[in-house]
Amino acid sequence: MRLHRKQRTAIPRLLGSLLLVTAAGISSVGAAPGDAAAHSGQAPAAAPRPLGQIVPAPAEVKAGGSPYTITAGTKIRVDDDSGEARRIGNYLARVLRPSTGYALPVTDRGGGDGIRLRLGSDDSELGAEGYTLKSSHGSVTITARGPAGLFHGVQTLRQLLPADVEKNSLQEGPWQVAGGTVTDAPRYAYRSAMLDVSRHFFSVTEVKRYIDQLALYKMNKLHLHLSDDQGWRIAIDSWPRLATYGGQTEVGGGVGGYYTKNDYKEIVRYASSRYLEVVPEIDLPGHTNAALASYAELNCNGVAPPLYTGTSVGFSSLCVPKAITYTFVDDVVRELAALTPGKYLHIGGDEAHSTSHDDYVTFMNRAQAIVGTYGKTVVGWHQLTGATPVAGAVAQYWGYDRTGAAERKQVADAAKNGTQLVLSPADRTYLDMKYNKETKLGLAWAGYVEVQRSYDWNPATYLEGAPEDSILGVEAPIWSETVTNSDEVEQMAFPRLPGVAELGWSPASTHDWDAYKVRLAAQGPRFSALGIDYYRSAQVPWPEQ
């Protein structure tokens, strides 16, 4: 593990919400009095946030009725036979206690008041991740068919409370939730963000912080880019030098680091507690210099190259004809699959410029078979479609608007033949692209990506010729050539990340940049409350703070 970098203390809560200012959520409900003992002598409270003011935009909002106020007497009531509901209730209590100062006991005793978390909705349209939230004078009730939906409903509840609820110190209320009902479920099943821990290493604490931020926006996948030319970041018992030697550097020559198997298990456990599935990536057959430097026998000439700390791509390749190459792939996939309870395993496949086309096809076909042997679904960058994607494979499209027509057609044709697609166009969702020419961090090879450009596109129609039902979802990757810590990740991710999350969750009918930029602007105080030094785009009318 890296020890030299000063680590930030992880905030034990999720990133604060964006504020929606859409007509669908606006109501004329006035503020009800807060807890008198806690708020005596205050000026009249502002009206509670309109019920639809959340990100991602909800599927349906019916505003009306009296607001609910959290007070010193509020209890969090959970089903007595659901350990998951109790765990989510305890999570919510930990979020709310520091700022409200209230005890907020979690109880399985029945009652019609308080914050009620209920599993077992009979609404089949909610699916595994949907929920309903009903707010009235006496209670807020969140109901879902499954635990993930209940957790997503809790994020909506958080976003409906004032921004100060995200602080770790006692704040003034009142803590009100507008009256009415939210009914909500995701548009796409796959809503992901990628963190590149290979070019610069990020500690377990830093990864957990990012997980918390993703979870508030109802993302459900964390793609970890665990290997590249600059560093190998996961311990593999059968090939120990991958981590101990190949993991000892990073871009610019820092000391790097790697995750022990227990470290990785802790990341997986923490992500699961926030209802995110970890999708690990071992990039193959290119982007492999760290592995080639660790084991000479993986090179066709039997000579290990030096470790690499630059940022060029496309120069490395496993030796496709060698039998030991597939022993290596089998060992790595087997050990990683055993650590990963989720469905997917990503095998890269991009920028294999030093691998001939025939060798590339041979390798990717064999690597896919190995992944299947260990019960995982293959994910690969969209160059996988230049080989033969196996049944059920997922191709991740990272091209951009000016990508050649032939390449885009190749991906669309694969989709017509059953390959599912995750869309992460580089000039839309790559969070490491500079916002503009003044941006200090990031790169610009795909162009500048301002907040509007990142948000204002439609996954269903983005890739011409790809069937709409082939789109599994979206992803927002952040590559780490220039970002080295949580502060820098957040400067690049916020405020673009929430917009990508909305593309993945919200109905297409809610998509409107002019409304979204106002909701986003209202989120500035919440970012600040959480210590997020976000990029203050001139495209967004941020309030003064």
Protein backbone atom coordinates (compact mmCIF):
# COMPACT_ATOMS: atom_id res chain seq x y z
CA MET A 1 0.00 0.00 0.00
CA ARG A 2 1.12 3.56 -0.60
CA LEU A 3 2.19 5.28 2.63
CA HIS A 4 3.77 8.52 1.48
CA ARG A 5 0.63 10.34 0.34
CA LYS A 6 -1.25 12.36 2.91
CA GLN A 7 -4.68 10.74 3.07
CA ARG A 8 -7.83 12.68 3.71
CA THR A 9 -10.18 11.46 6.39
CA ALA A 10 -13.10 9.79 4.67
CA ILE A 11 -16.42 11.51 5.21
CA PRO A 12 -18.73 8.75 6.46
CA ARG A 13 -21.60 9.74 4.27
CA LEU A 14 -22.42 10.20 0.63
CA LEU A 15 -21.85 13.29 -1.45
CA GLY A 16 -24.60 15.90 -1.13
CA SER A 17 -27.37 16.20 -3.64
CA LEU A 18 -28.03 18.34 -6.64
CA LEU A 19 -31.19 20.44 -6.53
CA LEU A 20 -33.77 19.97 -9.25
CA VAL A 21 -35.75 23.04 -10.28
CA THR A 22 -38.23 21.48 -12.63
CA ALA A 23 -41.86 22.26 -12.97
CA ALA A 24 -42.68 18.64 -12.18
CA GLY A 25 -41.40 19.01 -8.64
CA ILE A 26 -42.49 22.51 -7.69
CA SER A 27 -45.29 22.84 -5.15
CA SER A 28 -46.73 25.66 -3.15
CA VAL A 29 -46.39 23.87 0.16
CA GLY A 30 -45.29 26.26 2.88
CA ALA A 31 -42.90 25.52 5.72
CA ALA A 32 -44.24 23.80 8.76
CA PRO A 33 -42.75 24.78 12.12
CA GLY A 34 -39.57 22.93 13.07
CA ASP A 35 -38.74 21.48 16.44
CA ALA A 36 -39.50 24.35 18.80
CA ALA A 37 -36.89 23.48 21.39
CA ALA A 38 -34.14 23.28 18.80
CA HIS A 39 -35.14 26.28 16.71
CA SER A 40 -36.62 28.86 19.06
CA GLY A 41 -35.79 32.43 18.16
CA GLN A 42 -35.00 31.72 14.51
CA ALA A 43 -36.39 33.67 11.60
CA PRO A 44 -39.24 31.93 9.76
CA ALA A 45 -37.91 28.93 7.89
CA ALA A 46 -37.85 28.79 4.12
CA ALA A 47 -40.28 26.47 2.39
CA PRO A 48 -39.04 22.88 2.11
CA ARG A 49 -37.37 21.96 -1.12
CA PRO A 50 -39.95 21.01 -3.77
CA LEU A 51 -40.39 17.27 -3.92
CA GLY A 52 -38.96 16.82 -7.40
CA GLN A 53 -35.68 18.63 -6.70
CA ILE A 54 -33.37 15.63 -6.81
CA VAL A 55 -30.73 14.26 -9.13
CA PRO A 56 -31.22 11.98 -10.97
CA ALA A 57 -34.63 13.30 -11.96
CA PRO A 58 -37.37 10.98 -10.69
CA ALA A 59 -39.75 9.14 -12.98
CA GLU A 60 -42.91 10.58 -11.39
CA VAL A 61 -43.66 13.24 -8.77
CA LYS A 62 -47.03 14.08 -7.25
CA ALA A 63 -46.49 17.05 -4.97
CA GLY A 64 -48.98 18.18 -2.35
CA GLY A 65 -49.98 18.02 1.27
CA SER A 66 -48.18 19.01 4.43
CA PRO A 67 -44.42 18.56 4.79
CA TYR A 68 -42.80 16.17 7.23
CA THR A 69 -40.38 17.57 9.83
CA ILE A 70 -37.61 15.52 11.42
CA THR A 71 -37.47 16.37 15.14
CA ALA A 72 -35.83 15.17 18.32
CA GLY A 73 -38.62 12.62 18.62
CA THR A 74 -38.22 11.08 15.16
CA LYS A 75 -37.61 7.34 14.95
CA ILE A 76 -36.42 5.35 11.95
CA ARG A 77 -38.80 2.38 11.71
CA VAL A 78 -37.79 -0.74 9.80
CA ASP A 79 -39.35 -4.11 9.08
CA ASP A 80 -38.80 -6.47 11.99
CA ASP A 81 -37.89 -9.37 9.72
CA SER A 82 -35.43 -7.55 7.42
CA GLY A 83 -31.78 -7.28 8.30
CA GLU A 84 -31.20 -5.29 5.12
CA ALA A 85 -33.80 -2.69 6.06
CA ARG A 86 -32.23 -2.32 9.50
CA ARG A 87 -28.79 -1.92 8.01
CA ILE A 88 -30.06 0.79 5.66
CA GLY A 89 -31.83 2.43 8.59
CA ASN A 90 -28.60 2.47 10.59
CA TYR A 91 -26.80 3.96 7.61
CA LEU A 92 -29.39 6.73 7.34
CA ALA A 93 -29.15 7.45 11.06
CA ARG A 94 -25.36 7.80 10.82
CA VAL A 95 -25.81 10.31 8.01
CA LEU A 96 -28.39 12.46 9.81
CA ARG A 97 -27.24 12.42 13.44
CA PRO A 98 -24.18 14.73 13.27
CA SER A 99 -25.96 17.64 11.59
CA THR A 100 -29.38 17.36 13.28
CA GLY A 101 -28.12 16.44 16.72
CA TYR A 102 -31.04 14.02 17.10
CA ALA A 103 -30.78 10.46 18.42
CA LEU A 104 -32.89 8.98 15.58
CA PRO A 105 -33.16 5.48 17.06
CA VAL A 106 -33.63 2.64 14.60
CA THR A 107 -36.44 0.37 15.72
CA ASP A 108 -38.48 -2.52 14.39
CA ARG A 109 -41.48 -1.58 16.50
CA GLY A 110 -44.45 -0.75 14.35
CA GLY A 111 -45.83 2.74 14.17
CA GLY A 112 -47.36 5.22 11.78
CA ASP A 113 -44.93 8.04 12.47
CA GLY A 114 -41.29 8.81 11.75
CA ILE A 115 -39.14 7.68 8.84
CA ARG A 116 -40.43 4.28 7.76
CA LEU A 117 -38.38 1.91 5.58
CA ARG A 118 -40.44 -0.89 4.07
CA LEU A 119 -39.46 -3.85 1.87
CA GLY A 120 -42.03 -5.81 -0.12
CA SER A 121 -43.77 -3.48 -2.55
CA ASP A 122 -46.19 -5.26 -4.88
CA ASP A 123 -45.51 -2.74 -7.68
CA SER A 124 -43.69 -4.88 -10.26
CA GLU A 125 -42.74 -1.81 -12.31
CA LEU A 126 -40.32 -0.72 -9.57
CA GLY A 127 -38.04 -3.66 -10.34
CA ALA A 128 -35.06 -4.38 -8.11
CA GLU A 129 -33.89 -0.76 -7.84
CA GLY A 130 -37.07 1.32 -7.83
CA TYR A 131 -38.88 2.80 -4.83
CA THR A 132 -41.73 5.01 -3.74
CA LEU A 133 -41.37 7.82 -1.21
CA LYS A 134 -44.47 9.25 0.45
CA SER A 135 -44.17 12.33 2.65
CA SER A 136 -46.90 13.82 4.83
CA HIS A 137 -47.26 15.64 8.13
CA GLY A 138 -46.76 12.53 10.26
CA SER A 139 -44.23 10.43 8.40
CA VAL A 140 -41.98 9.74 5.44
CA THR A 141 -42.38 6.20 4.10
CA ILE A 142 -39.97 4.62 1.60
CA THR A 143 -41.14 1.35 0.06
CA ALA A 144 -39.25 -0.91 -2.36
CA ARG A 145 -39.30 -4.42 -3.74
CA GLY A 146 -35.61 -4.97 -2.94
CA PRO A 147 -32.88 -3.55 -0.69
CA ALA A 148 -31.18 -1.63 -3.51
CA GLY A 149 -34.42 0.23 -4.17
CA LEU A 150 -34.80 1.04 -0.50
CA PHE A 151 -31.26 2.39 -0.43
CA HIS A 152 -31.89 4.54 -3.52
CA GLY A 153 -35.02 5.90 -1.84
CA VAL A 154 -32.93 6.90 1.16
CA GLN A 155 -30.66 8.90 -1.17
CA THR A 156 -33.73 10.75 -2.44
CA LEU A 157 -34.75 11.52 1.14
CA ARG A 158 -31.29 12.96 1.82
CA GLN A 159 -31.46 15.13 -1.26
CA LEU A 160 -34.80 16.60 -0.18
CA LEU A 161 -33.28 17.88 3.07
CA PRO A 162 -31.30 21.15 3.33
CA ALA A 163 -27.66 21.10 2.23
CA ASP A 164 -26.43 21.52 5.80
CA VAL A 165 -27.62 18.00 6.58
CA GLU A 166 -24.39 16.80 4.93
CA LYS A 167 -22.14 18.48 7.50
CA ASN A 168 -20.42 16.61 10.30
CA SER A 169 -21.25 19.19 12.97
CA LEU A 170 -24.47 20.38 14.59
CA GLN A 171 -26.51 22.64 12.30
CA GLU A 172 -29.73 24.61 12.60
CA GLY A 173 -32.87 23.16 11.04
CA PRO A 174 -35.70 22.82 10.45
CA TRP A 175 -35.26 19.49 8.65
CA GLN A 176 -38.29 19.28 6.42
CA VAL A 177 -39.39 17.11 3.49
CA ALA A 178 -42.09 18.48 1.20
CA GLY A 179 -45.39 16.60 1.05
CA GLY A 180 -46.31 14.26 -1.78
CA THR A 181 -45.16 11.09 -3.51
CA VAL A 182 -42.13 10.15 -5.62
CA THR A 183 -42.32 6.98 -7.72
CA ASP A 184 -39.00 6.14 -9.28
CA ALA A 185 -37.06 3.42 -11.12
CA PRO A 186 -33.98 3.45 -13.38
CA ARG A 187 -33.91 3.78 -17.16
CA TYR A 188 -30.79 1.61 -17.53
CA ALA A 189 -29.58 -1.35 -15.50
CA TYR A 190 -25.87 -0.44 -15.79
CA ARG A 191 -24.85 2.94 -14.33
CA SER A 192 -21.15 3.07 -13.74
CA ALA A 193 -18.08 5.13 -13.03
CA MET A 194 -14.51 4.01 -13.61
CA LEU A 195 -11.51 4.92 -11.49
CA ASP A 196 -8.07 4.33 -13.00
CA VAL A 197 -5.87 3.24 -10.10
CA SER A 198 -3.05 2.09 -12.39
CA ARG A 199 -1.53 5.31 -13.66
CA HIS A 200 -1.76 6.76 -10.17
CA PHE A 201 -2.57 4.60 -7.18
CA PHE A 202 -5.47 5.45 -4.88
CA SER A 203 -5.75 4.12 -1.34
CA VAL A 204 -8.67 2.08 -0.04
CA THR A 205 -9.84 5.18 1.85
CA GLU A 206 -9.85 7.27 -1.32
CA VAL A 207 -11.75 4.59 -3.24
CA LYS A 208 -14.35 4.40 -0.46
CA ARG A 209 -14.83 8.15 -0.62
CA TYR A 210 -15.56 7.92 -4.33
CA ILE A 211 -17.96 5.02 -3.74
CA ASP A 212 -19.95 7.19 -1.35
CA GLN A 213 -20.17 9.94 -3.92
CA LEU A 214 -21.33 7.56 -6.65
CA ALA A 215 -23.98 6.02 -4.45
CA LEU A 216 -25.84 9.28 -3.82
CA TYR A 217 -26.47 9.55 -7.55
CA LYS A 218 -27.85 6.01 -7.70
CA MET A 219 -24.92 4.61 -9.68
CA ASN A 220 -24.59 0.86 -9.25
CA LYS A 221 -21.19 -0.09 -10.71
CA LEU A 222 -17.60 0.82 -9.84
CA HIS A 223 -15.21 -0.14 -12.63
CA LEU A 224 -11.66 -0.42 -11.24
CA HIS A 225 -8.89 -0.25 -13.86
CA LEU A 226 -6.40 -2.45 -11.99
CA SER A 227 -3.55 -2.89 -14.46
CA ASP A 228 -1.78 -0.89 -17.12
CA ASP A 229 1.69 -0.07 -18.40
CA GLN A 230 2.43 2.11 -15.37
CA GLY A 231 1.37 -0.22 -12.58
CA TRP A 232 -0.23 -3.50 -11.51
CA ARG A 233 -2.52 -2.93 -8.53
CA ILE A 234 -3.91 -6.28 -7.31
CA ALA A 235 -2.05 -9.08 -5.54
CA ILE A 236 -2.04 -12.36 -7.47
CA ASP A 237 -0.66 -15.24 -5.39
CA SER A 238 0.45 -17.34 -8.35
CA TRP A 239 2.33 -14.40 -9.88
CA PRO A 240 3.44 -12.34 -6.86
CA ARG A 241 5.88 -10.03 -8.68
CA LEU A 242 2.99 -8.49 -10.60
CA ALA A 243 2.13 -6.47 -7.49
CA THR A 244 5.39 -6.35 -5.54
CA TYR A 245 7.48 -5.33 -8.55
CA GLY A 246 5.00 -4.18 -11.20
CA GLY A 247 3.07 -2.15 -8.64
CA GLN A 248 5.97 -0.14 -7.24
CA THR A 249 5.71 2.89 -9.51
CA GLU A 250 3.23 5.16 -11.33
CA VAL A 251 3.12 8.07 -13.79
CA GLY A 252 5.90 10.49 -12.95
CA GLY A 253 7.87 7.97 -10.92
CA GLY A 254 6.04 7.87 -7.58
CA VAL A 255 6.12 4.84 -5.31
CA GLY A 256 2.83 3.45 -6.58
CA GLY A 257 1.20 0.75 -4.48
CA TYR A 258 -1.17 -2.19 -4.77
CA TYR A 259 -4.15 -3.75 -3.06
CA THR A 260 -3.67 -6.89 -1.03
CA LYS A 261 -6.46 -9.40 -1.44
CA ASN A 262 -7.89 -8.20 1.88
CA ASP A 263 -7.76 -4.60 0.64
CA TYR A 264 -9.68 -5.57 -2.47
CA LYS A 265 -12.22 -7.54 -0.45
CA GLU A 266 -12.77 -4.47 1.73
CA ILE A 267 -13.42 -2.31 -1.35
CA VAL A 268 -15.88 -4.91 -2.64
CA ARG A 269 -17.58 -5.13 0.77
CA TYR A 270 -17.89 -1.36 1.11
CA ALA A 271 -19.21 -0.98 -2.43
CA SER A 272 -21.78 -3.69 -1.75
CA SER A 273 -22.94 -1.85 1.38
CA ARG A 274 -23.75 1.08 -0.95
CA TYR A 275 -25.33 -1.27 -3.53
CA LEU A 276 -22.53 -0.89 -6.05
CA GLU A 277 -21.03 -3.86 -7.87
CA VAL A 278 -17.27 -3.80 -8.46
CA VAL A 279 -16.23 -4.53 -12.06
CA PRO A 280 -12.48 -5.27 -12.05
CA GLU A 281 -10.41 -4.74 -15.18
CA ILE A 282 -7.16 -6.40 -16.20
CA ASP A 283 -6.27 -4.70 -19.49
CA LEU A 284 -5.09 -7.21 -22.11
CA PRO A 285 -3.21 -7.90 -24.39
CA GLY A 286 -1.85 -4.34 -24.59
CA HIS A 287 -1.36 -1.90 -21.72
CA THR A 288 0.69 -4.67 -20.10
CA ASN A 289 4.18 -3.23 -19.53
CA ALA A 290 3.94 -3.62 -15.75
CA ALA A 291 3.27 -7.36 -16.20
CA LEU A 292 5.94 -7.73 -18.89
CA ALA A 293 8.48 -5.99 -16.65
CA SER A 294 7.58 -8.31 -13.77
CA TYR A 295 8.00 -11.58 -15.67
CA ALA A 296 10.44 -11.89 -18.56
CA GLU A 297 8.81 -15.11 -19.81
CA LEU A 298 5.68 -13.18 -20.82
CA ASN A 299 7.73 -11.40 -23.51
CA CYS A 300 8.28 -12.99 -26.90
CA ASN A 301 12.04 -12.33 -26.67
CA GLY A 302 12.27 -13.48 -23.03
CA VAL A 303 13.62 -10.09 -21.94
CA ALA A 304 11.78 -7.99 -19.37
CA PRO A 305 11.46 -4.29 -20.27
CA PRO A 306 12.05 -1.63 -17.63
CA LEU A 307 9.18 -0.29 -15.54
CA TYR A 308 7.38 2.56 -17.24
CA THR A 309 6.30 5.93 -15.80
CA GLY A 310 5.25 7.85 -18.91
CA THR A 311 1.85 8.33 -20.52
CA SER A 312 2.23 7.02 -24.09
CA VAL A 313 0.03 4.08 -25.10
CA GLY A 314 0.03 1.19 -27.55
CA PHE A 315 3.62 0.00 -27.26
CA SER A 316 3.20 -3.13 -25.12
CA SER A 317 1.75 -6.57 -25.83
CA LEU A 318 1.64 -10.01 -24.30
CA CYS A 319 3.24 -12.70 -26.46
CA VAL A 320 0.19 -14.25 -28.11
CA PRO A 321 1.85 -17.46 -29.46
CA LYS A 322 3.33 -18.53 -26.09
CA ALA A 323 1.43 -21.10 -24.04
CA ILE A 324 2.56 -19.44 -20.80
CA THR A 325 0.56 -16.36 -21.78
CA TYR A 326 -2.68 -18.27 -21.32
CA THR A 327 -1.48 -19.87 -18.09
CA PHE A 328 -0.90 -16.33 -16.87
CA VAL A 329 -4.33 -15.12 -18.00
CA ASP A 330 -6.04 -18.16 -16.49
CA ASP A 331 -4.31 -17.68 -13.12
CA VAL A 332 -5.09 -13.97 -12.95
CA VAL A 333 -8.73 -14.39 -13.99
CA ARG A 334 -9.23 -17.33 -11.64
CA GLU A 335 -7.90 -15.47 -8.60
CA LEU A 336 -9.67 -12.23 -9.42
CA ALA A 337 -12.97 -13.97 -10.15
CA ALA A 338 -12.77 -15.71 -6.77
CA LEU A 339 -12.45 -12.30 -5.06
CA THR A 340 -15.27 -10.68 -7.04
CA PRO A 341 -18.87 -11.65 -6.25
CA GLY A 342 -20.25 -9.48 -9.06
CA LYS A 343 -21.27 -10.66 -12.50
CA TYR A 344 -18.70 -8.90 -14.68
CA LEU A 345 -14.97 -9.10 -15.39
CA HIS A 346 -13.38 -6.58 -17.77
CA ILE A 347 -10.48 -7.72 -19.97
CA GLY A 348 -9.69 -4.41 -21.68
CA GLY A 349 -8.71 -4.96 -25.29
CA ASP A 350 -8.12 -1.33 -26.26
CA GLU A 351 -5.17 0.28 -28.02
CA ALA A 352 -3.40 -3.02 -28.75
CA HIS A 353 -1.36 -1.33 -31.45
CA SER A 354 1.64 -3.64 -30.98
CA THR A 355 -0.48 -6.76 -31.52
CA SER A 356 -1.27 -7.84 -35.05
CA HIS A 357 -4.94 -8.14 -35.96
CA ASP A 358 -4.77 -11.92 -36.26
CA ASP A 359 -2.99 -12.22 -32.92
CA TYR A 360 -5.51 -9.85 -31.34
CA VAL A 361 -8.44 -11.96 -32.51
CA THR A 362 -6.74 -15.15 -31.34
CA PHE A 363 -5.95 -13.71 -27.93
CA MET A 364 -9.31 -12.07 -27.24
CA ASN A 365 -11.20 -15.20 -28.23
CA ARG A 366 -9.12 -17.33 -25.85
CA ALA A 367 -9.29 -14.76 -23.04
CA GLN A 368 -13.07 -14.57 -23.31
CA ALA A 369 -13.29 -18.36 -22.97
CA ILE A 370 -11.17 -18.22 -19.82
CA VAL A 371 -13.46 -15.61 -18.26
CA GLY A 372 -16.45 -17.82 -19.03
CA THR A 373 -14.74 -20.79 -17.38
CA TYR A 374 -14.84 -18.92 -14.08
CA GLY A 375 -18.48 -17.93 -14.35
CA LYS A 376 -18.11 -14.27 -15.23
CA THR A 377 -19.59 -12.16 -18.03
CA VAL A 378 -16.96 -10.63 -20.31
CA VAL A 379 -16.68 -6.86 -20.61
CA GLY A 380 -14.19 -5.35 -23.04
CA TRP A 381 -13.54 -1.98 -24.62
CA HIS A 382 -15.32 -1.67 -27.95
CA GLN A 383 -12.32 -2.98 -29.92
CA LEU A 384 -13.55 -6.37 -28.69
CA THR A 385 -16.08 -6.18 -31.52
CA GLY A 386 -13.16 -6.54 -33.93
CA ALA A 387 -12.70 -10.08 -32.61
CA THR A 388 -15.63 -12.42 -31.97
CA PRO A 389 -17.62 -11.35 -28.89
CA VAL A 390 -18.97 -14.37 -27.05
CA ALA A 391 -22.68 -14.68 -26.34
CA GLY A 392 -23.62 -12.28 -23.58
CA ALA A 393 -20.46 -10.17 -23.89
CA VAL A 394 -20.56 -6.45 -23.16
CA ALA A 395 -18.62 -3.96 -25.29
CA GLN A 396 -17.80 -0.59 -23.76
CA TYR A 397 -17.81 2.13 -26.40
CA TRP A 398 -15.25 4.87 -25.71
CA GLY A 399 -15.13 6.49 -29.15
CA TYR A 400 -16.38 9.98 -29.79
CA ASP A 401 -18.40 12.02 -32.23
CA ARG A 402 -15.64 12.13 -34.83
CA THR A 403 -14.72 8.43 -34.57
CA GLY A 404 -14.67 6.91 -38.05
CA ALA A 405 -17.89 5.58 -39.51
CA ALA A 406 -16.42 2.11 -40.08
CA GLU A 407 -15.48 1.70 -36.44
CA ARG A 408 -18.86 2.92 -35.21
CA LYS A 409 -20.60 0.58 -37.68
CA GLN A 410 -18.54 -2.36 -36.43
CA VAL A 411 -19.80 -1.73 -32.90
CA ALA A 412 -23.40 -1.19 -34.05
CA ASP A 413 -23.30 -4.41 -36.09
CA ALA A 414 -22.08 -6.34 -33.05
CA ALA A 415 -24.97 -4.86 -31.08
CA LYS A 416 -27.39 -6.07 -33.76
CA ASN A 417 -25.93 -9.54 -33.27
CA GLY A 418 -26.55 -9.54 -29.54
CA THR A 419 -23.56 -7.80 -27.95
CA GLN A 420 -24.71 -5.40 -25.26
CA LEU A 421 -23.20 -1.92 -25.07
CA VAL A 422 -22.11 0.35 -22.27
CA LEU A 423 -21.60 3.89 -23.58
CA SER A 424 -18.75 6.04 -22.33
CA PRO A 425 -17.95 8.35 -25.25
CA ALA A 426 -14.66 10.06 -24.51
CA ASP A 427 -15.81 13.50 -25.59
CA ARG A 428 -18.92 13.24 -23.40
CA THR A 429 -18.27 11.18 -20.29
CA TYR A 430 -14.49 11.00 -19.79
CA LEU A 431 -14.13 12.98 -16.59
CA ASP A 432 -10.38 13.42 -17.10
CA MET A 433 -10.90 15.59 -20.17
CA LYS A 434 -10.28 19.28 -19.53
CA TYR A 435 -13.33 21.48 -19.19
CA ASN A 436 -11.61 24.18 -21.30
CA LYS A 437 -8.14 25.42 -22.17
CA GLU A 438 -7.71 27.06 -18.75
CA THR A 439 -8.27 23.80 -16.87
CA LYS A 440 -5.04 22.83 -15.08
CA LEU A 441 -5.73 19.12 -14.65
CA GLY A 442 -6.71 16.64 -17.31
CA LEU A 443 -6.01 15.97 -20.96
CA ALA A 444 -7.66 17.19 -24.17
CA TRP A 445 -7.06 14.51 -26.81
CA ALA A 446 -10.83 14.01 -27.15
CA GLY A 447 -11.47 17.76 -26.97
CA TYR A 448 -12.75 19.96 -24.17
CA VAL A 449 -15.76 18.59 -22.28
CA GLU A 450 -17.77 21.26 -20.53
CA VAL A 451 -20.70 20.47 -18.25
CA GLN A 452 -23.36 20.88 -20.92
CA ARG A 453 -21.54 18.66 -23.40
CA SER A 454 -21.20 15.94 -20.79
CA TYR A 455 -24.93 16.02 -20.03
CA ASP A 456 -26.60 16.90 -23.30
CA TRP A 457 -26.76 13.65 -25.30
CA ASN A 458 -29.09 10.67 -25.49
CA PRO A 459 -27.66 7.16 -24.96
CA ALA A 460 -30.54 5.58 -26.88
CA THR A 461 -29.71 7.39 -30.12
CA TYR A 462 -25.99 8.13 -29.71
CA LEU A 463 -24.61 5.22 -31.75
CA GLU A 464 -26.40 5.10 -35.08
CA GLY A 465 -27.53 1.61 -36.03
CA ALA A 466 -27.28 0.13 -32.53
CA PRO A 467 -30.67 -1.20 -31.39
CA GLU A 468 -32.05 0.75 -28.48
CA ASP A 469 -32.46 -2.42 -26.42
CA SER A 470 -28.75 -3.21 -26.86
CA ILE A 471 -27.80 -0.25 -24.63
CA LEU A 472 -27.12 -1.72 -21.21
CA GLY A 473 -26.16 1.64 -19.73
CA VAL A 474 -23.57 4.38 -19.35
CA GLU A 475 -20.25 4.93 -17.64
CA ALA A 476 -18.19 7.96 -16.60
CA PRO A 477 -14.49 6.99 -16.56
CA ILE A 478 -11.74 9.03 -14.96
CA TRP A 479 -8.22 8.22 -16.11
CA SER A 480 -5.40 9.24 -13.82
CA GLU A 481 -2.51 10.49 -15.91
CA THR A 482 -2.88 13.89 -14.22
CA VAL A 483 -4.99 13.24 -11.10
CA THR A 484 -3.27 11.95 -7.97
CA ASN A 485 -5.66 12.25 -5.00
CA SER A 486 -9.31 12.65 -3.99
CA ASP A 487 -9.24 16.45 -4.29
CA GLU A 488 -8.15 16.24 -7.91
CA VAL A 489 -10.61 13.47 -8.74
CA GLU A 490 -13.43 15.60 -7.36
CA GLN A 491 -12.39 18.70 -9.30
CA MET A 492 -12.72 16.71 -12.50
CA ALA A 493 -15.77 14.63 -11.54
CA PHE A 494 -17.93 17.40 -10.15
CA PRO A 495 -20.16 18.73 -11.50
CA ARG A 496 -20.08 16.40 -14.55
CA LEU A 497 -20.59 13.08 -12.78
CA PRO A 498 -24.16 13.76 -11.58
CA GLY A 499 -25.25 14.56 -15.11
CA VAL A 500 -23.99 11.23 -16.43
CA ALA A 501 -25.77 9.53 -13.53
CA GLU A 502 -28.98 11.24 -14.58
CA LEU A 503 -28.56 9.96 -18.15
CA GLY A 504 -28.37 6.46 -16.74
CA TRP A 505 -31.28 6.69 -14.31
CA SER A 506 -33.89 9.21 -15.43
CA PRO A 507 -36.57 8.86 -18.12
CA ALA A 508 -35.60 10.44 -21.42
CA SER A 509 -38.63 12.73 -21.08
CA THR A 510 -36.99 14.55 -18.15
CA HIS A 511 -33.88 15.49 -20.12
CA ASP A 512 -33.56 19.27 -20.43
CA TRP A 513 -30.31 21.21 -20.14
CA ASP A 514 -31.90 24.55 -19.30
CA ALA A 515 -33.73 23.07 -16.33
CA TYR A 516 -30.82 20.88 -15.31
CA LYS A 517 -28.25 23.68 -15.13
CA VAL A 518 -30.44 25.52 -12.63
CA ARG A 519 -30.86 22.42 -10.48
CA LEU A 520 -27.12 21.91 -10.66
CA ALA A 521 -26.42 25.50 -9.65
CA ALA A 522 -28.51 25.10 -6.52
CA GLN A 523 -26.24 22.22 -5.53
CA GLY A 524 -23.21 24.43 -4.96
CA PRO A 525 -23.82 24.88 -1.21
CA ARG A 526 -24.17 21.14 -0.77
CA PHE A 527 -20.88 20.45 -2.52
CA SER A 528 -19.27 23.00 -0.23
CA ALA A 529 -20.86 21.44 2.85
CA LEU A 530 -19.12 18.19 1.93
CA GLY A 531 -15.73 19.73 1.24
CA ILE A 532 -15.96 19.25 -2.53
CA ASP A 533 -13.88 21.86 -4.35
CA TYR A 534 -15.94 21.53 -7.51
CA TYR A 535 -15.33 23.21 -10.86
CA ARG A 536 -17.45 26.36 -11.08
CA SER A 537 -18.36 26.22 -14.73
CA ALA A 538 -19.44 29.49 -16.31
CA GLN A 539 -22.24 27.52 -18.00
CA VAL A 540 -23.95 27.08 -14.63
CA PRO A 541 -25.50 29.98 -12.64
CA TRP A 542 -23.97 29.09 -9.26
CA PRO A 543 -25.37 30.96 -6.25
CA GLU A 544 -23.13 33.16 -4.15
CA GLN A 545 -21.92 31.48 -0.97
